[in-house]
Amino acid sequence: MALGPFSKQDHVEITSLGIEFAVSVVLGTWAGYVLDGKLGSGPWLLVAGAFAGFALGFYIILRAAKNMSRADANLKKADKKDGRS
């Protein structure tokens, strides 16, 4: 079964990144909700927790993209060295 330009491993990595992003937003929002309940600060910590979770999820995605790009560059460099390019 053709998966397009992506391998099965790429699909697993993309799916896990999506799950990590969603979990970071949900956990940040939940932590803000719990702190709002304990401190009685209204919805402000919930909103701050949601933004913090979003920022953390975005950081995770950017870090993974950087690592994937570095791995691709190393693979191309190795192929060029071996004369496969």
PDB file of N, CA and C in Angstrom:
ATOM      1  N   MET A   1       0.841  -1.171   0.000  1.00  0.00           N
ATOM      2  CA  MET A   1       0.000   0.000   0.000  1.00  0.00           C
ATOM      3  C   MET A   1       0.889   1.239   0.000  1.00  0.00           C
ATOM      4  N   ALA A   2       0.677   2.112  -0.950  1.00  0.00           N
ATOM      5  CA  ALA A   2       1.498   3.314  -1.080  1.00  0.00           C
ATOM      6  C   ALA A   2       1.080   4.352  -0.038  1.00  0.00           C
ATOM      7  N   LEU A   3       2.054   4.923   0.602  1.00  0.00           N
ATOM      8  CA  LEU A   3       1.811   5.946   1.613  1.00  0.00           C
ATOM      9  C   LEU A   3       2.250   7.322   1.139  1.00  0.00           C
ATOM     10  N   GLY A   4       2.471   7.478  -0.143  1.00  0.00           N
ATOM     11  CA  GLY A   4       2.953   8.742  -0.664  1.00  0.00           C
ATOM     12  C   GLY A   4       4.444   8.863  -0.442  1.00  0.00           C
ATOM     13  N   PRO A   5       4.919  10.085  -0.260  1.00  0.00           N
ATOM     14  CA  PRO A   5       6.366  10.281  -0.092  1.00  0.00           C
ATOM     15  C   PRO A   5       6.869   9.934   1.308  1.00  0.00           C
ATOM     16  N   PHE A   6       5.961   9.522   2.189  1.00  0.00           N
ATOM     17  CA  PHE A   6       6.340   9.234   3.566  1.00  0.00           C
ATOM     18  C   PHE A   6       6.395   7.732   3.812  1.00  0.00           C
ATOM     19  N   SER A   7       7.332   7.318   4.647  1.00  0.00           N
ATOM     20  CA  SER A   7       7.419   5.915   5.037  1.00  0.00           C
ATOM     21  C   SER A   7       6.484   5.670   6.227  1.00  0.00           C
ATOM     22  N   LYS A   8       6.345   4.415   6.600  1.00  0.00           N
ATOM     23  CA  LYS A   8       5.521   4.094   7.764  1.00  0.00           C
ATOM     24  C   LYS A   8       6.101   4.725   9.019  1.00  0.00           C
ATOM     25  N   GLN A   9       7.429   4.768   9.123  1.00  0.00           N
ATOM     26  CA  GLN A   9       8.075   5.389  10.279  1.00  0.00           C
ATOM     27  C   GLN A   9       7.753   6.885  10.337  1.00  0.00           C
ATOM     28  N   ASP A  10       7.720   7.541   9.183  1.00  0.00           N
ATOM     29  CA  ASP A  10       7.356   8.958   9.157  1.00  0.00           C
ATOM     30  C   ASP A  10       5.937   9.168   9.664  1.00  0.00           C
ATOM     31  N   HIS A  11       5.029   8.281   9.266  1.00  0.00           N
ATOM     32  CA  HIS A  11       3.650   8.388   9.732  1.00  0.00           C
ATOM     33  C   HIS A  11       3.558   8.203  11.238  1.00  0.00           C
ATOM     34  N   VAL A  12       4.332   7.299  11.781  1.00  0.00           N
ATOM     35  CA  VAL A  12       4.338   7.087  13.233  1.00  0.00           C
ATOM     36  C   VAL A  12       4.868   8.328  13.936  1.00  0.00           C
ATOM     37  N   GLU A  13       5.937   8.912  13.428  1.00  0.00           N
ATOM     38  CA  GLU A  13       6.504  10.113  14.055  1.00  0.00           C
ATOM     39  C   GLU A  13       5.527  11.282  13.989  1.00  0.00           C
ATOM     40  N   ILE A  14       4.867  11.455  12.858  1.00  0.00           N
ATOM     41  CA  ILE A  14       3.908  12.558  12.710  1.00  0.00           C
ATOM     42  C   ILE A  14       2.724  12.365  13.654  1.00  0.00           C
ATOM     43  N   THR A  15       2.238  11.137  13.751  1.00  0.00           N
ATOM     44  CA  THR A  15       1.118  10.859  14.653  1.00  0.00           C
ATOM     45  C   THR A  15       1.512  11.088  16.104  1.00  0.00           C
ATOM     46  N   SER A  16       2.692  10.651  16.488  1.00  0.00           N
ATOM     47  CA  SER A  16       3.117  10.836  17.871  1.00  0.00           C
ATOM     48  C   SER A  16       3.322  12.322  18.184  1.00  0.00           C
ATOM     49  N   LEU A  17       3.777  13.096  17.217  1.00  0.00           N
ATOM     50  CA  LEU A  17       3.905  14.542  17.438  1.00  0.00           C
ATOM     51  C   LEU A  17       2.538  15.180  17.660  1.00  0.00           C
ATOM     52  N   GLY A  18       1.553  14.755  16.899  1.00  0.00           N
ATOM     53  CA  GLY A  18       0.208  15.281  17.075  1.00  0.00           C
ATOM     54  C   GLY A  18      -0.356  14.942  18.447  1.00  0.00           C
ATOM     55  N   ILE A  19      -0.117  13.722  18.883  1.00  0.00           N
ATOM     56  CA  ILE A  19      -0.586  13.302  20.203  1.00  0.00           C
ATOM     57  C   ILE A  19       0.133  14.084  21.299  1.00  0.00           C
ATOM     58  N   GLU A  20       1.448  14.261  21.162  1.00  0.00           N
ATOM     59  CA  GLU A  20       2.200  15.030  22.158  1.00  0.00           C
ATOM     60  C   GLU A  20       1.708  16.469  22.229  1.00  0.00           C
ATOM     61  N   PHE A  21       1.398  17.053  21.083  1.00  0.00           N
ATOM     62  CA  PHE A  21       0.892  18.426  21.067  1.00  0.00           C
ATOM     63  C   PHE A  21      -0.451  18.502  21.791  1.00  0.00           C
ATOM     64  N   ALA A  22      -1.352  17.593  21.467  1.00  0.00           N
ATOM     65  CA  ALA A  22      -2.675  17.603  22.091  1.00  0.00           C
ATOM     66  C   ALA A  22      -2.582  17.385  23.595  1.00  0.00           C
ATOM     67  N   VAL A  23      -1.729  16.459  24.016  1.00  0.00           N
ATOM     68  CA  VAL A  23      -1.586  16.176  25.442  1.00  0.00           C
ATOM     69  C   VAL A  23      -1.018  17.385  26.176  1.00  0.00           C
ATOM     70  N   SER A  24      -0.064  18.078  25.576  1.00  0.00           N
ATOM     71  CA  SER A  24       0.512  19.244  26.255  1.00  0.00           C
ATOM     72  C   SER A  24      -0.532  20.346  26.434  1.00  0.00           C
ATOM     73  N   VAL A  25      -1.391  20.555  25.437  1.00  0.00           N
ATOM     74  CA  VAL A  25      -2.441  21.572  25.563  1.00  0.00           C
ATOM     75  C   VAL A  25      -3.466  21.151  26.617  1.00  0.00           C
ATOM     76  N   VAL A  26      -3.882  19.899  26.582  1.00  0.00           N
ATOM     77  CA  VAL A  26      -4.877  19.418  27.549  1.00  0.00           C
ATOM     78  C   VAL A  26      -4.326  19.485  28.974  1.00  0.00           C
ATOM     79  N   LEU A  27      -3.087  19.044  29.176  1.00  0.00           N
ATOM     80  CA  LEU A  27      -2.511  19.078  30.522  1.00  0.00           C
ATOM     81  C   LEU A  27      -2.312  20.509  31.027  1.00  0.00           C
ATOM     82  N   GLY A  28      -1.893  21.406  30.145  1.00  0.00           N
ATOM     83  CA  GLY A  28      -1.746  22.806  30.545  1.00  0.00           C
ATOM     84  C   GLY A  28      -3.081  23.417  30.937  1.00  0.00           C
ATOM     85  N   THR A  29      -4.110  23.131  30.150  1.00  0.00           N
ATOM     86  CA  THR A  29      -5.441  23.643  30.455  1.00  0.00           C
ATOM     87  C   THR A  29      -5.967  23.054  31.758  1.00  0.00           C
ATOM     88  N   TRP A  30      -5.768  21.758  31.950  1.00  0.00           N
ATOM     89  CA  TRP A  30      -6.226  21.101  33.177  1.00  0.00           C
ATOM     90  C   TRP A  30      -5.505  21.675  34.402  1.00  0.00           C
ATOM     91  N   ALA A  31      -4.198  21.876  34.295  1.00  0.00           N
ATOM     92  CA  ALA A  31      -3.446  22.438  35.417  1.00  0.00           C
ATOM     93  C   ALA A  31      -3.948  23.840  35.755  1.00  0.00           C
ATOM     94  N   GLY A  32      -4.224  24.637  34.744  1.00  0.00           N
ATOM     95  CA  GLY A  32      -4.783  25.968  34.987  1.00  0.00           C
ATOM     96  C   GLY A  32      -6.149  25.909  35.635  1.00  0.00           C
ATOM     97  N   TYR A  33      -6.963  24.956  35.210  1.00  0.00           N
ATOM     98  CA  TYR A  33      -8.297  24.781  35.793  1.00  0.00           C
ATOM     99  C   TYR A  33      -8.202  24.408  37.272  1.00  0.00           C
ATOM    100  N   VAL A  34      -7.315  23.478  37.584  1.00  0.00           N
ATOM    101  CA  VAL A  34      -7.148  23.052  38.976  1.00  0.00           C
ATOM    102  C   VAL A  34      -6.638  24.211  39.828  1.00  0.00           C
ATOM    103  N   LEU A  35      -5.658  24.944  39.314  1.00  0.00           N
ATOM    104  CA  LEU A  35      -5.129  26.083  40.083  1.00  0.00           C
ATOM    105  C   LEU A  35      -6.179  27.178  40.254  1.00  0.00           C
ATOM    106  N   ASP A  36      -7.002  27.394  39.237  1.00  0.00           N
ATOM    107  CA  ASP A  36      -8.086  28.373  39.377  1.00  0.00           C
ATOM    108  C   ASP A  36      -9.057  27.957  40.473  1.00  0.00           C
ATOM    109  N   GLY A  37      -9.343  26.670  40.541  1.00  0.00           N
ATOM    110  CA  GLY A  37     -10.250  26.186  41.584  1.00  0.00           C
ATOM    111  C   GLY A  37      -9.674  26.364  42.974  1.00  0.00           C
ATOM    112  N   LYS A  38      -8.388  26.141  43.127  1.00  0.00           N
ATOM    113  CA  LYS A  38      -7.751  26.256  44.449  1.00  0.00           C
ATOM    114  C   LYS A  38      -7.529  27.709  44.857  1.00  0.00           C
ATOM    115  N   LEU A  39      -7.174  28.543  43.878  1.00  0.00           N
ATOM    116  CA  LEU A  39      -6.844  29.936  44.191  1.00  0.00           C
ATOM    117  C   LEU A  39      -8.018  30.892  43.986  1.00  0.00           C
ATOM    118  N   GLY A  40      -9.074  30.442  43.316  1.00  0.00           N
ATOM    119  CA  GLY A  40     -10.237  31.288  43.073  1.00  0.00           C
ATOM    120  C   GLY A  40      -9.919  32.473  42.179  1.00  0.00           C
ATOM    121  N   SER A  41      -9.063  32.278  41.214  1.00  0.00           N
ATOM    122  CA  SER A  41      -8.622  33.397  40.371  1.00  0.00           C
ATOM    123  C   SER A  41      -9.410  33.526  39.065  1.00  0.00           C
ATOM    124  N   GLY A  42     -10.533  32.868  38.972  1.00  0.00           N
ATOM    125  CA  GLY A  42     -11.334  32.976  37.752  1.00  0.00           C
ATOM    126  C   GLY A  42     -10.712  32.181  36.621  1.00  0.00           C
ATOM    127  N   PRO A  43     -11.000  32.565  35.410  1.00  0.00           N
ATOM    128  CA  PRO A  43     -10.511  31.761  34.283  1.00  0.00           C
ATOM    129  C   PRO A  43      -9.084  32.090  33.857  1.00  0.00           C
ATOM    130  N   TRP A  44      -8.394  32.959  34.586  1.00  0.00           N
ATOM    131  CA  TRP A  44      -7.116  33.461  34.095  1.00  0.00           C
ATOM    132  C   TRP A  44      -6.018  32.408  34.071  1.00  0.00           C
ATOM    133  N   LEU A  45      -5.926  31.589  35.071  1.00  0.00           N
ATOM    134  CA  LEU A  45      -4.897  30.551  35.075  1.00  0.00           C
ATOM    135  C   LEU A  45      -5.232  29.445  34.081  1.00  0.00           C
ATOM    136  N   LEU A  46      -6.522  29.206  33.839  1.00  0.00           N
ATOM    137  CA  LEU A  46      -6.927  28.240  32.821  1.00  0.00           C
ATOM    138  C   LEU A  46      -6.447  28.712  31.448  1.00  0.00           C
ATOM    139  N   VAL A  47      -6.654  29.976  31.161  1.00  0.00           N
ATOM    140  CA  VAL A  47      -6.212  30.533  29.870  1.00  0.00           C
ATOM    141  C   VAL A  47      -4.687  30.515  29.785  1.00  0.00           C
ATOM    142  N   ALA A  48      -4.027  30.887  30.869  1.00  0.00           N
ATOM    143  CA  ALA A  48      -2.558  30.875  30.872  1.00  0.00           C
ATOM    144  C   ALA A  48      -2.030  29.454  30.701  1.00  0.00           C
ATOM    145  N   GLY A  49      -2.674  28.483  31.343  1.00  0.00           N
ATOM    146  CA  GLY A  49      -2.267  27.088  31.196  1.00  0.00           C
ATOM    147  C   GLY A  49      -2.461  26.586  29.773  1.00  0.00           C
ATOM    148  N   ALA A  50      -3.564  26.995  29.137  1.00  0.00           N
ATOM    149  CA  ALA A  50      -3.798  26.603  27.744  1.00  0.00           C
ATOM    150  C   ALA A  50      -2.721  27.191  26.832  1.00  0.00           C
ATOM    151  N   PHE A  51      -2.389  28.454  27.036  1.00  0.00           N
ATOM    152  CA  PHE A  51      -1.333  29.075  26.219  1.00  0.00           C
ATOM    153  C   PHE A  51       0.030  28.427  26.486  1.00  0.00           C
ATOM    154  N   ALA A  52       0.309  28.130  27.743  1.00  0.00           N
ATOM    155  CA  ALA A  52       1.583  27.484  28.067  1.00  0.00           C
ATOM    156  C   ALA A  52       1.656  26.093  27.439  1.00  0.00           C
ATOM    157  N   GLY A  53       0.552  25.354  27.481  1.00  0.00           N
ATOM    158  CA  GLY A  53       0.517  24.040  26.842  1.00  0.00           C
ATOM    159  C   GLY A  53       0.689  24.131  25.340  1.00  0.00           C
ATOM    160  N   PHE A  54       0.066  25.136  24.726  1.00  0.00           N
ATOM    161  CA  PHE A  54       0.231  25.345  23.292  1.00  0.00           C
ATOM    162  C   PHE A  54       1.684  25.673  22.958  1.00  0.00           C
ATOM    163  N   ALA A  55       2.295  26.543  23.758  1.00  0.00           N
ATOM    164  CA  ALA A  55       3.697  26.914  23.519  1.00  0.00           C
ATOM    165  C   ALA A  55       4.614  25.705  23.668  1.00  0.00           C
ATOM    166  N   LEU A  56       4.367  24.884  24.683  1.00  0.00           N
ATOM    167  CA  LEU A  56       5.173  23.679  24.874  1.00  0.00           C
ATOM    168  C   LEU A  56       4.991  22.714  23.708  1.00  0.00           C
ATOM    169  N   GLY A  57       3.766  22.520  23.262  1.00  0.00           N
ATOM    170  CA  GLY A  57       3.511  21.650  22.114  1.00  0.00           C
ATOM    171  C   GLY A  57       4.184  22.153  20.857  1.00  0.00           C
ATOM    172  N   PHE A  58       4.140  23.453  20.642  1.00  0.00           N
ATOM    173  CA  PHE A  58       4.789  24.040  19.472  1.00  0.00           C
ATOM    174  C   PHE A  58       6.299  23.863  19.551  1.00  0.00           C
ATOM    175  N   TYR A  59       6.866  24.009  20.748  1.00  0.00           N
ATOM    176  CA  TYR A  59       8.305  23.791  20.942  1.00  0.00           C
ATOM    177  C   TYR A  59       8.681  22.349  20.624  1.00  0.00           C
ATOM    178  N   ILE A  60       7.863  21.408  21.063  1.00  0.00           N
ATOM    179  CA  ILE A  60       8.125  19.991  20.784  1.00  0.00           C
ATOM    180  C   ILE A  60       8.142  19.738  19.282  1.00  0.00           C
ATOM    181  N   ILE A  61       7.196  20.325  18.566  1.00  0.00           N
ATOM    182  CA  ILE A  61       7.126  20.146  17.112  1.00  0.00           C
ATOM    183  C   ILE A  61       8.342  20.768  16.428  1.00  0.00           C
ATOM    184  N   LEU A  62       8.724  21.968  16.842  1.00  0.00           N
ATOM    185  CA  LEU A  62       9.890  22.619  16.230  1.00  0.00           C
ATOM    186  C   LEU A  62      11.172  21.847  16.490  1.00  0.00           C
ATOM    187  N   ARG A  63      11.329  21.316  17.704  1.00  0.00           N
ATOM    188  CA  ARG A  63      12.507  20.517  18.032  1.00  0.00           C
ATOM    189  C   ARG A  63      12.559  19.248  17.192  1.00  0.00           C
ATOM    190  N   ALA A  64      11.421  18.605  17.008  1.00  0.00           N
ATOM    191  CA  ALA A  64      11.371  17.386  16.198  1.00  0.00           C
ATOM    192  C   ALA A  64      11.668  17.701  14.735  1.00  0.00           C
ATOM    193  N   ALA A  65      11.157  18.812  14.235  1.00  0.00           N
ATOM    194  CA  ALA A  65      11.424  19.200  12.847  1.00  0.00           C
ATOM    195  C   ALA A  65      12.915  19.476  12.644  1.00  0.00           C
ATOM    196  N   LYS A  66      13.538  20.112  13.614  1.00  0.00           N
ATOM    197  CA  LYS A  66      14.971  20.383  13.527  1.00  0.00           C
ATOM    198  C   LYS A  66      15.766  19.083  13.506  1.00  0.00           C
ATOM    199  N   ASN A  67      15.390  18.139  14.368  1.00  0.00           N
ATOM    200  CA  ASN A  67      16.082  16.851  14.402  1.00  0.00           C
ATOM    201  C   ASN A  67      15.873  16.072  13.107  1.00  0.00           C
ATOM    202  N   MET A  68      14.669  16.105  12.551  1.00  0.00           N
ATOM    203  CA  MET A  68      14.391  15.415  11.289  1.00  0.00           C
ATOM    204  C   MET A  68      15.184  16.037  10.146  1.00  0.00           C
ATOM    205  N   SER A  69      15.276  17.353  10.147  1.00  0.00           N
ATOM    206  CA  SER A  69      16.027  18.040   9.112  1.00  0.00           C
ATOM    207  C   SER A  69      17.510  17.700   9.203  1.00  0.00           C
ATOM    208  N   ARG A  70      18.033  17.656  10.413  1.00  0.00           N
ATOM    209  CA  ARG A  70      19.433  17.313  10.628  1.00  0.00           C
ATOM    210  C   ARG A  70      19.703  15.871  10.182  1.00  0.00           C
ATOM    211  N   ALA A  71      18.799  14.959  10.494  1.00  0.00           N
ATOM    212  CA  ALA A  71      18.962  13.561  10.098  1.00  0.00           C
ATOM    213  C   ALA A  71      18.912  13.429   8.576  1.00  0.00           C
ATOM    214  N   ASP A  72      18.044  14.175   7.928  1.00  0.00           N
ATOM    215  CA  ASP A  72      17.945  14.138   6.467  1.00  0.00           C
ATOM    216  C   ASP A  72      19.221  14.685   5.824  1.00  0.00           C
ATOM    217  N   ALA A  73      19.749  15.767   6.386  1.00  0.00           N
ATOM    218  CA  ALA A  73      20.987  16.335   5.854  1.00  0.00           C
ATOM    219  C   ALA A  73      22.147  15.353   6.020  1.00  0.00           C
ATOM    220  N   ASN A  74      22.213  14.680   7.164  1.00  0.00           N
ATOM    221  CA  ASN A  74      23.275  13.691   7.384  1.00  0.00           C
ATOM    222  C   ASN A  74      23.142  12.523   6.421  1.00  0.00           C
ATOM    223  N   LEU A  75      21.916  12.106   6.139  1.00  0.00           N
ATOM    224  CA  LEU A  75      21.686  11.014   5.198  1.00  0.00           C
ATOM    225  C   LEU A  75      22.112  11.407   3.787  1.00  0.00           C
ATOM    226  N   LYS A  76      21.781  12.618   3.391  1.00  0.00           N
ATOM    227  CA  LYS A  76      22.190  13.094   2.061  1.00  0.00           C
ATOM    228  C   LYS A  76      23.704  13.213   1.967  1.00  0.00           C
ATOM    229  N   LYS A  77      24.326  13.673   3.053  1.00  0.00           N
ATOM    230  CA  LYS A  77      25.783  13.802   3.059  1.00  0.00           C
ATOM    231  C   LYS A  77      26.434  12.429   2.935  1.00  0.00           C
ATOM    232  N   ALA A  78      25.897  11.434   3.642  1.00  0.00           N
ATOM    233  CA  ALA A  78      26.444  10.077   3.582  1.00  0.00           C
ATOM    234  C   ALA A  78      26.240   9.475   2.187  1.00  0.00           C
ATOM    235  N   ASP A  79      25.082   9.729   1.584  1.00  0.00           N
ATOM    236  CA  ASP A  79      24.838   9.225   0.233  1.00  0.00           C
ATOM    237  C   ASP A  79      25.788   9.859  -0.767  1.00  0.00           C
ATOM    238  N   LYS A  80      26.046  11.154  -0.614  1.00  0.00           N
ATOM    239  CA  LYS A  80      26.946  11.837  -1.520  1.00  0.00           C
ATOM    240  C   LYS A  80      28.360  11.300  -1.362  1.00  0.00           C
ATOM    241  N   LYS A  81      28.763  11.033  -0.121  1.00  0.00           N
ATOM    242  CA  LYS A  81      30.100  10.500   0.147  1.00  0.00           C
ATOM    243  C   LYS A  81      30.264   9.120  -0.456  1.00  0.00           C
ATOM    244  N   ASP A  82      29.206   8.305  -0.430  1.00  0.00           N
ATOM    245  CA  ASP A  82      29.245   6.961  -0.981  1.00  0.00           C
ATOM    246  C   ASP A  82      29.049   6.930  -2.503  1.00  0.00           C
ATOM    247  N   GLY A  83      28.768   8.086  -3.085  1.00  0.00           N
ATOM    248  CA  GLY A  83      28.594   8.167  -4.525  1.00  0.00           C
ATOM    249  C   GLY A  83      27.215   7.737  -4.998  1.00  0.00           C
ATOM    250  N   ARG A  84      26.222   7.780  -4.130  1.00  0.00           N
ATOM    251  CA  ARG A  84      24.864   7.394  -4.506  1.00  0.00           C
ATOM    252  C   ARG A  84      24.047   8.565  -4.988  1.00  0.00           C
ATOM    253  N   SER A  85      24.546   9.751  -4.928  1.00  0.00           N
ATOM    254  CA  SER A  85      23.763  10.929  -5.277  1.00  0.00           C
ATOM    255  C   SER A  85      23.749  11.225  -6.747  1.00  0.00           C
TER     256      SER A  85
END
